[in-house]
PDB file of all heavy atoms in Angstrom:
ATOM      1  N   LEU A   1      35.791 130.574 124.937  1.00  0.00           N
ATOM      2  CA  LEU A   1      36.349 129.230 124.930  1.00  0.00           C
ATOM      3  C   LEU A   1      35.169 128.257 124.951  1.00  0.00           C
ATOM      4  O   LEU A   1      34.052 128.635 125.279  1.00  0.00           O
ATOM      5  CB  LEU A   1      37.234 128.998 126.153  1.00  0.00           C
ATOM      6  CG  LEU A   1      38.478 129.871 126.241  1.00  0.00           C
ATOM      7  CD1 LEU A   1      39.055 129.833 127.642  1.00  0.00           C
ATOM      8  CD2 LEU A   1      39.520 129.420 125.235  1.00  0.00           C
ATOM      9  N   TYR A   2      35.436 126.997 124.617  1.00  0.00           N
ATOM     10  CA  TYR A   2      34.382 125.987 124.588  1.00  0.00           C
ATOM     11  C   TYR A   2      34.630 125.014 125.738  1.00  0.00           C
ATOM     12  O   TYR A   2      35.582 124.229 125.700  1.00  0.00           O
ATOM     13  CB  TYR A   2      34.405 125.272 123.233  1.00  0.00           C
ATOM     14  CG  TYR A   2      33.254 124.337 123.009  1.00  0.00           C
ATOM     15  CD1 TYR A   2      32.045 124.806 122.526  1.00  0.00           C
ATOM     16  CD2 TYR A   2      33.372 122.981 123.286  1.00  0.00           C
ATOM     17  CE1 TYR A   2      30.978 123.946 122.311  1.00  0.00           C
ATOM     18  CE2 TYR A   2      32.321 122.114 123.074  1.00  0.00           C
ATOM     19  CZ  TYR A   2      31.126 122.606 122.589  1.00  0.00           C
ATOM     20  OH  TYR A   2      30.061 121.753 122.377  1.00  0.00           O
ATOM     21  N   PRO A   3      33.797 125.061 126.799  1.00  0.00           N
ATOM     22  CA  PRO A   3      34.044 124.231 127.980  1.00  0.00           C
ATOM     23  C   PRO A   3      33.520 122.810 127.828  1.00  0.00           C
ATOM     24  O   PRO A   3      32.451 122.576 127.260  1.00  0.00           O
ATOM     25  CB  PRO A   3      33.259 124.972 129.076  1.00  0.00           C
ATOM     26  CG  PRO A   3      32.122 125.610 128.334  1.00  0.00           C
ATOM     27  CD  PRO A   3      32.666 125.970 126.971  1.00  0.00           C
ATOM     28  N   LEU A   4      34.267 121.861 128.357  1.00  0.00           N
ATOM     29  CA  LEU A   4      33.882 120.452 128.350  1.00  0.00           C
ATOM     30  C   LEU A   4      34.216 119.836 129.701  1.00  0.00           C
ATOM     31  O   LEU A   4      35.165 120.270 130.371  1.00  0.00           O
ATOM     32  CB  LEU A   4      34.648 119.695 127.264  1.00  0.00           C
ATOM     33  CG  LEU A   4      34.309 120.089 125.829  1.00  0.00           C
ATOM     34  CD1 LEU A   4      35.413 119.652 124.888  1.00  0.00           C
ATOM     35  CD2 LEU A   4      32.981 119.474 125.430  1.00  0.00           C
ATOM     36  N   VAL A   5      33.451 118.812 130.078  1.00  0.00           N
ATOM     37  CA  VAL A   5      33.733 118.075 131.306  1.00  0.00           C
ATOM     38  C   VAL A   5      33.785 116.592 130.949  1.00  0.00           C
ATOM     39  O   VAL A   5      32.853 116.056 130.348  1.00  0.00           O
ATOM     40  CB  VAL A   5      32.649 118.314 132.384  1.00  0.00           C
ATOM     41  CG1 VAL A   5      32.980 117.548 133.663  1.00  0.00           C
ATOM     42  CG2 VAL A   5      32.492 119.804 132.673  1.00  0.00           C
ATOM     43  N   ALA A   6      34.877 115.946 131.306  1.00  0.00           N
ATOM     44  CA  ALA A   6      35.023 114.506 131.074  1.00  0.00           C
ATOM     45  C   ALA A   6      34.137 113.766 132.076  1.00  0.00           C
ATOM     46  O   ALA A   6      34.289 113.930 133.285  1.00  0.00           O
ATOM     47  CB  ALA A   6      36.482 114.091 131.239  1.00  0.00           C
ATOM     48  N   ARG A   7      33.219 112.974 131.568  1.00  0.00           N
ATOM     49  CA  ARG A   7      32.288 112.259 132.450  1.00  0.00           C
ATOM     50  C   ARG A   7      32.994 111.171 133.268  1.00  0.00           C
ATOM     51  O   ARG A   7      32.497 110.752 134.304  1.00  0.00           O
ATOM     52  CB  ARG A   7      31.149 111.658 131.642  1.00  0.00           C
ATOM     53  CG  ARG A   7      30.224 112.729 131.075  1.00  0.00           C
ATOM     54  CD  ARG A   7      28.915 112.143 130.624  1.00  0.00           C
ATOM     55  NE  ARG A   7      28.095 113.107 129.934  1.00  0.00           N
ATOM     56  CZ  ARG A   7      27.243 113.945 130.525  1.00  0.00           C
ATOM     57  NH1 ARG A   7      27.129 113.945 131.834  1.00  0.00           N
ATOM     58  NH2 ARG A   7      26.516 114.777 129.800  1.00  0.00           N
ATOM     59  N   SER A   8      34.161 110.734 132.816  1.00  0.00           N
ATOM     60  CA  SER A   8      34.922 109.735 133.578  1.00  0.00           C
ATOM     61  C   SER A   8      35.424 110.311 134.888  1.00  0.00           C
ATOM     62  O   SER A   8      35.837 109.575 135.778  1.00  0.00           O
ATOM     63  CB  SER A   8      36.111 109.246 132.761  1.00  0.00           C
ATOM     64  OG  SER A   8      37.076 110.289 132.636  1.00  0.00           O
ATOM     65  N   GLY A   9      35.428 111.627 134.988  1.00  0.00           N
ATOM     66  CA  GLY A   9      35.920 112.281 136.192  1.00  0.00           C
ATOM     67  C   GLY A   9      37.384 112.656 136.134  1.00  0.00           C
ATOM     68  O   GLY A   9      37.887 113.333 137.002  1.00  0.00           O
ATOM     69  N   ASP A  10      38.100 112.221 135.092  1.00  0.00           N
ATOM     70  CA  ASP A  10      39.519 112.552 134.971  1.00  0.00           C
ATOM     71  C   ASP A  10      39.822 112.914 133.521  1.00  0.00           C
ATOM     72  O   ASP A  10      39.659 112.098 132.627  1.00  0.00           O
ATOM     73  CB  ASP A  10      40.385 111.393 135.426  1.00  0.00           C
ATOM     74  CG  ASP A  10      41.847 111.781 135.554  1.00  0.00           C
ATOM     75  OD1 ASP A  10      42.234 112.887 135.129  1.00  0.00           O
ATOM     76  OD2 ASP A  10      42.614 110.969 136.095  1.00  0.00           O
ATOM     77  N   LYS A  11      40.278 114.112 133.300  1.00  0.00           N
ATOM     78  CA  LYS A  11      40.528 114.623 131.946  1.00  0.00           C
ATOM     79  C   LYS A  11      41.944 114.346 131.452  1.00  0.00           C
ATOM     80  O   LYS A  11      42.227 114.499 130.271  1.00  0.00           O
ATOM     81  CB  LYS A  11      40.297 116.130 131.930  1.00  0.00           C
ATOM     82  CG  LYS A  11      41.321 116.868 132.790  1.00  0.00           C
ATOM     83  CD  LYS A  11      41.015 118.333 132.924  1.00  0.00           C
ATOM     84  CE  LYS A  11      41.924 118.948 133.969  1.00  0.00           C
ATOM     85  NZ  LYS A  11      41.439 120.229 134.431  1.00  0.00           N
ATOM     86  N   ARG A  12      42.851 113.969 132.317  1.00  0.00           N
ATOM     87  CA  ARG A  12      44.284 113.983 131.994  1.00  0.00           C
ATOM     88  C   ARG A  12      44.636 113.228 130.724  1.00  0.00           C
ATOM     89  O   ARG A  12      45.292 113.761 129.842  1.00  0.00           O
ATOM     90  CB  ARG A  12      45.065 113.443 133.191  1.00  0.00           C
ATOM     91  CG  ARG A  12      46.468 113.887 133.323  1.00  0.00           C
ATOM     92  CD  ARG A  12      46.797 115.369 133.128  1.00  0.00           C
ATOM     93  NE  ARG A  12      45.924 116.326 133.748  1.00  0.00           N
ATOM     94  CZ  ARG A  12      45.688 117.547 133.246  1.00  0.00           C
ATOM     95  NH1 ARG A  12      46.229 117.954 132.128  1.00  0.00           N
ATOM     96  NH2 ARG A  12      44.894 118.384 133.849  1.00  0.00           N
ATOM     97  N   LYS A  13      44.226 111.980 130.582  1.00  0.00           N
ATOM     98  CA  LYS A  13      44.601 111.199 129.396  1.00  0.00           C
ATOM     99  C   LYS A  13      43.970 111.787 128.136  1.00  0.00           C
ATOM    100  O   LYS A  13      44.599 111.830 127.089  1.00  0.00           O
ATOM    101  CB  LYS A  13      44.198 109.734 129.555  1.00  0.00           C
ATOM    102  CG  LYS A  13      45.072 108.991 130.527  1.00  0.00           C
ATOM    103  CD  LYS A  13      44.684 107.536 130.614  1.00  0.00           C
ATOM    104  CE  LYS A  13      45.575 106.835 131.631  1.00  0.00           C
ATOM    105  NZ  LYS A  13      45.186 105.453 131.848  1.00  0.00           N
ATOM    106  N   LEU A  14      42.730 112.242 128.242  1.00  0.00           N
ATOM    107  CA  LEU A  14      42.062 112.857 127.096  1.00  0.00           C
ATOM    108  C   LEU A  14      42.784 114.129 126.668  1.00  0.00           C
ATOM    109  O   LEU A  14      43.081 114.314 125.484  1.00  0.00           O
ATOM    110  CB  LEU A  14      40.596 113.170 127.444  1.00  0.00           C
ATOM    111  CG  LEU A  14      39.820 114.015 126.431  1.00  0.00           C
ATOM    112  CD1 LEU A  14      39.793 113.366 125.055  1.00  0.00           C
ATOM    113  CD2 LEU A  14      38.407 114.270 126.952  1.00  0.00           C
ATOM    114  N   VAL A  15      43.100 114.983 127.609  1.00  0.00           N
ATOM    115  CA  VAL A  15      43.784 116.243 127.302  1.00  0.00           C
ATOM    116  C   VAL A  15      45.152 115.971 126.681  1.00  0.00           C
ATOM    117  O   VAL A  15      45.541 116.615 125.702  1.00  0.00           O
ATOM    118  CB  VAL A  15      43.885 117.121 128.574  1.00  0.00           C
ATOM    119  CG1 VAL A  15      44.875 118.246 128.405  1.00  0.00           C
ATOM    120  CG2 VAL A  15      42.507 117.665 128.937  1.00  0.00           C
ATOM    121  N   GLU A  16      45.877 115.014 127.217  1.00  0.00           N
ATOM    122  CA  GLU A  16      47.187 114.660 126.642  1.00  0.00           C
ATOM    123  C   GLU A  16      47.028 114.158 125.210  1.00  0.00           C
ATOM    124  O   GLU A  16      47.804 114.536 124.326  1.00  0.00           O
ATOM    125  CB  GLU A  16      47.878 113.601 127.504  1.00  0.00           C
ATOM    126  CG  GLU A  16      48.392 114.139 128.817  1.00  0.00           C
ATOM    127  CD  GLU A  16      48.896 113.052 129.761  1.00  0.00           C
ATOM    128  OE1 GLU A  16      48.988 111.873 129.350  1.00  0.00           O
ATOM    129  OE2 GLU A  16      49.185 113.396 130.923  1.00  0.00           O
ATOM    130  N   PHE A  17      46.030 113.329 124.948  1.00  0.00           N
ATOM    131  CA  PHE A  17      45.778 112.817 123.613  1.00  0.00           C
ATOM    132  C   PHE A  17      45.442 113.958 122.649  1.00  0.00           C
ATOM    133  O   PHE A  17      45.961 114.015 121.526  1.00  0.00           O
ATOM    134  CB  PHE A  17      44.628 111.803 123.656  1.00  0.00           C
ATOM    135  CG  PHE A  17      44.293 111.202 122.322  1.00  0.00           C
ATOM    136  CD1 PHE A  17      45.010 110.114 121.852  1.00  0.00           C
ATOM    137  CD2 PHE A  17      43.269 111.715 121.545  1.00  0.00           C
ATOM    138  CE1 PHE A  17      44.705 109.542 120.612  1.00  0.00           C
ATOM    139  CE2 PHE A  17      42.964 111.163 120.317  1.00  0.00           C
ATOM    140  CZ  PHE A  17      43.679 110.076 119.845  1.00  0.00           C
ATOM    141  N   LEU A  18      44.592 114.869 123.089  1.00  0.00           N
ATOM    142  CA  LEU A  18      44.231 116.011 122.235  1.00  0.00           C
ATOM    143  C   LEU A  18      45.449 116.871 121.936  1.00  0.00           C
ATOM    144  O   LEU A  18      45.693 117.236 120.781  1.00  0.00           O
ATOM    145  CB  LEU A  18      43.137 116.846 122.910  1.00  0.00           C
ATOM    146  CG  LEU A  18      41.772 116.178 123.061  1.00  0.00           C
ATOM    147  CD1 LEU A  18      40.858 117.025 123.944  1.00  0.00           C
ATOM    148  CD2 LEU A  18      41.131 115.928 121.706  1.00  0.00           C
ATOM    149  N   GLU A  19      46.208 117.197 122.956  1.00  0.00           N
ATOM    150  CA  GLU A  19      47.399 118.047 122.779  1.00  0.00           C
ATOM    151  C   GLU A  19      48.415 117.392 121.844  1.00  0.00           C
ATOM    152  O   GLU A  19      48.963 118.060 120.969  1.00  0.00           O
ATOM    153  CB  GLU A  19      48.044 118.348 124.135  1.00  0.00           C
ATOM    154  CG  GLU A  19      47.240 119.276 125.018  1.00  0.00           C
ATOM    155  CD  GLU A  19      47.398 120.747 124.675  1.00  0.00           C
ATOM    156  OE1 GLU A  19      48.357 121.115 123.962  1.00  0.00           O
ATOM    157  OE2 GLU A  19      46.552 121.533 125.129  1.00  0.00           O
ATOM    158  N   GLU A  20      48.648 116.099 122.029  1.00  0.00           N
ATOM    159  CA  GLU A  20      49.596 115.390 121.160  1.00  0.00           C
ATOM    160  C   GLU A  20      49.126 115.384 119.712  1.00  0.00           C
ATOM    161  O   GLU A  20      49.936 115.323 118.793  1.00  0.00           O
ATOM    162  CB  GLU A  20      49.785 113.949 121.646  1.00  0.00           C
ATOM    163  CG  GLU A  20      50.577 113.846 122.922  1.00  0.00           C
ATOM    164  CD  GLU A  20      50.542 112.459 123.547  1.00  0.00           C
ATOM    165  OE1 GLU A  20      49.971 111.523 122.945  1.00  0.00           O
ATOM    166  OE2 GLU A  20      51.081 112.311 124.655  1.00  0.00           O
ATOM    167  N   GLY A  21      47.821 115.467 119.502  1.00  0.00           N
ATOM    168  CA  GLY A  21      47.256 115.452 118.158  1.00  0.00           C
ATOM    169  C   GLY A  21      47.021 116.827 117.569  1.00  0.00           C
ATOM    170  O   GLY A  21      46.433 116.947 116.499  1.00  0.00           O
ATOM    171  N   GLY A  22      47.447 117.880 118.255  1.00  0.00           N
ATOM    172  CA  GLY A  22      47.334 119.221 117.697  1.00  0.00           C
ATOM    173  C   GLY A  22      46.102 120.010 118.110  1.00  0.00           C
ATOM    174  O   GLY A  22      45.807 121.048 117.517  1.00  0.00           O
ATOM    175  N   VAL A  23      45.391 119.554 119.133  1.00  0.00           N
ATOM    176  CA  VAL A  23      44.228 120.299 119.631  1.00  0.00           C
ATOM    177  C   VAL A  23      44.611 120.912 120.970  1.00  0.00           C
ATOM    178  O   VAL A  23      44.856 120.196 121.948  1.00  0.00           O
ATOM    179  CB  VAL A  23      42.992 119.379 119.808  1.00  0.00           C
ATOM    180  CG1 VAL A  23      41.820 120.161 120.397  1.00  0.00           C
ATOM    181  CG2 VAL A  23      42.611 118.738 118.481  1.00  0.00           C
ATOM    182  N   GLU A  24      44.687 122.245 121.003  1.00  0.00           N
ATOM    183  CA  GLU A  24      45.060 122.925 122.238  1.00  0.00           C
ATOM    184  C   GLU A  24      43.943 122.856 123.253  1.00  0.00           C
ATOM    185  O   GLU A  24      42.766 122.933 122.911  1.00  0.00           O
ATOM    186  CB  GLU A  24      45.371 124.402 121.967  1.00  0.00           C
ATOM    187  CG  GLU A  24      46.768 124.643 121.484  1.00  0.00           C
ATOM    188  CD  GLU A  24      47.113 126.122 121.496  1.00  0.00           C
ATOM    189  OE1 GLU A  24      46.865 126.801 122.515  1.00  0.00           O
ATOM    190  OE2 GLU A  24      47.627 126.575 120.475  1.00  0.00           O
ATOM    191  N   THR A  25      44.317 122.724 124.514  1.00  0.00           N
ATOM    192  CA  THR A  25      43.361 122.712 125.609  1.00  0.00           C
ATOM    193  C   THR A  25      43.840 123.675 126.693  1.00  0.00           C
ATOM    194  O   THR A  25      45.015 124.053 126.724  1.00  0.00           O
ATOM    195  CB  THR A  25      43.220 121.304 126.221  1.00  0.00           C
ATOM    196  OG1 THR A  25      44.451 120.945 126.847  1.00  0.00           O
ATOM    197  CG2 THR A  25      42.828 120.277 125.174  1.00  0.00           C
ATOM    198  N   ARG A  26      42.926 124.040 127.551  1.00  0.00           N
ATOM    199  CA  ARG A  26      43.254 124.840 128.738  1.00  0.00           C
ATOM    200  C   ARG A  26      42.457 124.258 129.894  1.00  0.00           C
ATOM    201  O   ARG A  26      41.286 123.943 129.749  1.00  0.00           O
ATOM    202  CB  ARG A  26      42.854 126.306 128.568  1.00  0.00           C
ATOM    203  CG  ARG A  26      43.593 127.048 127.484  1.00  0.00           C
ATOM    204  CD  ARG A  26      45.007 127.388 127.941  1.00  0.00           C
ATOM    205  NE  ARG A  26      45.713 128.150 126.942  1.00  0.00           N
ATOM    206  CZ  ARG A  26      46.456 127.647 125.968  1.00  0.00           C
ATOM    207  NH1 ARG A  26      46.570 126.347 125.838  1.00  0.00           N
ATOM    208  NH2 ARG A  26      47.095 128.407 125.130  1.00  0.00           N
ATOM    209  N   ASP A  27      43.094 124.145 131.048  1.00  0.00           N
ATOM    210  CA  ASP A  27      42.375 123.699 132.236  1.00  0.00           C
ATOM    211  C   ASP A  27      41.367 124.751 132.657  1.00  0.00           C
ATOM    212  O   ASP A  27      41.632 125.946 132.571  1.00  0.00           O
ATOM    213  CB  ASP A  27      43.334 123.466 133.400  1.00  0.00           C
ATOM    214  CG  ASP A  27      44.118 122.179 133.267  1.00  0.00           C
ATOM    215  OD1 ASP A  27      43.694 121.294 132.505  1.00  0.00           O
ATOM    216  OD2 ASP A  27      45.163 122.061 133.933  1.00  0.00           O
ATOM    217  N   LEU A  28      40.227 124.292 133.131  1.00  0.00           N
ATOM    218  CA  LEU A  28      39.277 125.168 133.791  1.00  0.00           C
ATOM    219  C   LEU A  28      39.800 125.302 135.214  1.00  0.00           C
ATOM    220  O   LEU A  28      40.093 124.288 135.851  1.00  0.00           O
ATOM    221  CB  LEU A  28      37.893 124.541 133.775  1.00  0.00           C
ATOM    222  CG  LEU A  28      36.828 125.382 134.443  1.00  0.00           C
ATOM    223  CD1 LEU A  28      35.666 125.568 133.487  1.00  0.00           C
ATOM    224  CD2 LEU A  28      36.371 124.736 135.722  1.00  0.00           C
ATOM    225  N   LEU A  29      39.943 126.497 135.695  1.00  0.00           N
ATOM    226  CA  LEU A  29      40.563 126.695 137.002  1.00  0.00           C
ATOM    227  C   LEU A  29      39.619 127.402 137.964  1.00  0.00           C
ATOM    228  O   LEU A  29      39.615 128.624 138.050  1.00  0.00           O
ATOM    229  CB  LEU A  29      41.854 127.513 136.868  1.00  0.00           C
ATOM    230  CG  LEU A  29      42.961 126.868 136.050  1.00  0.00           C
ATOM    231  CD1 LEU A  29      44.097 127.847 135.820  1.00  0.00           C
ATOM    232  CD2 LEU A  29      43.473 125.624 136.726  1.00  0.00           C
ATOM    233  N   PRO A  30      38.813 126.645 138.704  1.00  0.00           N
ATOM    234  CA  PRO A  30      38.017 127.293 139.748  1.00  0.00           C
ATOM    235  C   PRO A  30      38.942 128.016 140.725  1.00  0.00           C
ATOM    236  O   PRO A  30      40.069 127.589 140.963  1.00  0.00           O
ATOM    237  CB  PRO A  30      37.298 126.129 140.420  1.00  0.00           C
ATOM    238  CG  PRO A  30      37.249 125.074 139.364  1.00  0.00           C
ATOM    239  CD  PRO A  30      38.535 125.226 138.598  1.00  0.00           C
ATOM    240  N   LEU A  31      38.473 129.083 141.280  1.00  0.00           N
ATOM    241  CA  LEU A  31      39.310 129.928 142.126  1.00  0.00           C
ATOM    242  C   LEU A  31      39.899 129.229 143.337  1.00  0.00           C
ATOM    243  O   LEU A  31      40.952 129.626 143.823  1.00  0.00           O
ATOM    244  CB  LEU A  31      38.515 131.148 142.600  1.00  0.00           C
ATOM    245  CG  LEU A  31      38.205 132.170 141.522  1.00  0.00           C
ATOM    246  CD1 LEU A  31      37.321 133.273 142.088  1.00  0.00           C
ATOM    247  CD2 LEU A  31      39.461 132.744 140.922  1.00  0.00           C
ATOM    248  N   ILE A  32      39.251 128.178 143.823  1.00  0.00           N
ATOM    249  CA  ILE A  32      39.720 127.590 145.080  1.00  0.00           C
ATOM    250  C   ILE A  32      41.116 126.987 144.998  1.00  0.00           C
ATOM    251  O   ILE A  32      41.756 126.784 146.023  1.00  0.00           O
ATOM    252  CB  ILE A  32      38.745 126.524 145.621  1.00  0.00           C
ATOM    253  CG1 ILE A  32      38.632 125.350 144.659  1.00  0.00           C
ATOM    254  CG2 ILE A  32      37.401 127.129 145.924  1.00  0.00           C
ATOM    255  CD1 ILE A  32      37.951 124.146 145.267  1.00  0.00           C
ATOM    256  N   ASN A  33      41.611 126.705 143.783  1.00  0.00           N
ATOM    257  CA  ASN A  33      42.951 126.112 143.703  1.00  0.00           C
ATOM    258  C   ASN A  33      44.001 127.109 143.215  1.00  0.00           C
ATOM    259  O   ASN A  33      45.115 126.717 142.908  1.00  0.00           O
ATOM    260  CB  ASN A  33      42.945 124.853 142.840  1.00  0.00           C
ATOM    261  CG  ASN A  33      42.695 125.162 141.379  1.00  0.00           C
ATOM    262  OD1 ASN A  33      42.244 126.247 141.038  1.00  0.00           O
ATOM    263  ND2 ASN A  33      42.979 124.212 140.516  1.00  0.00           N
ATOM    264  N   GLN A  34      43.674 128.366 143.180  1.00  0.00           N
ATOM    265  CA  GLN A  34      44.645 129.378 142.804  1.00  0.00           C
ATOM    266  C   GLN A  34      45.603 129.609 143.978  1.00  0.00           C
ATOM    267  O   GLN A  34      45.173 129.656 145.138  1.00  0.00           O
ATOM    268  CB  GLN A  34      43.945 130.679 142.422  1.00  0.00           C
ATOM    269  CG  GLN A  34      43.044 130.545 141.213  1.00  0.00           C
ATOM    270  CD  GLN A  34      43.824 130.122 139.983  1.00  0.00           C
ATOM    271  OE1 GLN A  34      44.767 130.777 139.584  1.00  0.00           O
ATOM    272  NE2 GLN A  34      43.430 129.005 139.397  1.00  0.00           N
ATOM    273  N   PRO A  35      46.896 129.729 143.699  1.00  0.00           N
ATOM    274  CA  PRO A  35      47.889 129.846 144.786  1.00  0.00           C
ATOM    275  C   PRO A  35      47.585 130.932 145.814  1.00  0.00           C
ATOM    276  O   PRO A  35      47.746 130.706 147.015  1.00  0.00           O
ATOM    277  CB  PRO A  35      49.195 130.131 144.034  1.00  0.00           C
ATOM    278  CG  PRO A  35      48.995 129.487 142.700  1.00  0.00           C
ATOM    279  CD  PRO A  35      47.530 129.676 142.385  1.00  0.00           C
ATOM    280  N   VAL A  36      47.136 132.080 145.373  1.00  0.00           N
ATOM    281  CA  VAL A  36      46.878 133.162 146.326  1.00  0.00           C
ATOM    282  C   VAL A  36      45.768 132.785 147.303  1.00  0.00           C
ATOM    283  O   VAL A  36      45.859 133.053 148.503  1.00  0.00           O
ATOM    284  CB  VAL A  36      46.569 134.503 145.610  1.00  0.00           C
ATOM    285  CG1 VAL A  36      45.249 134.433 144.842  1.00  0.00           C
ATOM    286  CG2 VAL A  36      46.562 135.644 146.605  1.00  0.00           C
ATOM    287  N   TYR A  37      44.734 132.114 146.815  1.00  0.00           N
ATOM    288  CA  TYR A  37      43.637 131.713 147.704  1.00  0.00           C
ATOM    289  C   TYR A  37      44.042 130.546 148.586  1.00  0.00           C
ATOM    290  O   TYR A  37      43.613 130.465 149.740  1.00  0.00           O
ATOM    291  CB  TYR A  37      42.386 131.385 146.899  1.00  0.00           C
ATOM    292  CG  TYR A  37      41.824 132.618 146.228  1.00  0.00           C
ATOM    293  CD1 TYR A  37      41.863 132.750 144.857  1.00  0.00           C
ATOM    294  CD2 TYR A  37      41.300 133.659 146.981  1.00  0.00           C
ATOM    295  CE1 TYR A  37      41.378 133.902 144.237  1.00  0.00           C
ATOM    296  CE2 TYR A  37      40.816 134.810 146.375  1.00  0.00           C
ATOM    297  CZ  TYR A  37      40.857 134.922 144.998  1.00  0.00           C
ATOM    298  OH  TYR A  37      40.385 136.057 144.410  1.00  0.00           O
ATOM    299  N   MET A  38      44.866 129.653 148.067  1.00  0.00           N
ATOM    300  CA  MET A  38      45.347 128.545 148.898  1.00  0.00           C
ATOM    301  C   MET A  38      46.219 129.083 150.024  1.00  0.00           C
ATOM    302  O   MET A  38      46.159 128.599 151.153  1.00  0.00           O
ATOM    303  CB  MET A  38      46.083 127.517 148.041  1.00  0.00           C
ATOM    304  CG  MET A  38      45.109 126.757 147.134  1.00  0.00           C
ATOM    305  SD  MET A  38      45.851 125.377 146.294  1.00  0.00           S
ATOM    306  CE  MET A  38      45.958 124.209 147.649  1.00  0.00           C
TER     307      MET A  38
END
């Protein structure tokens, strides 16, 4: 996969714009927010 980080600190609007335009995205999921670890 090709990883990116939004310098604004919030990816949500960018990801929604990409998805609406036909570019699939996936969240990067560090382990600390996985349900089993929480």
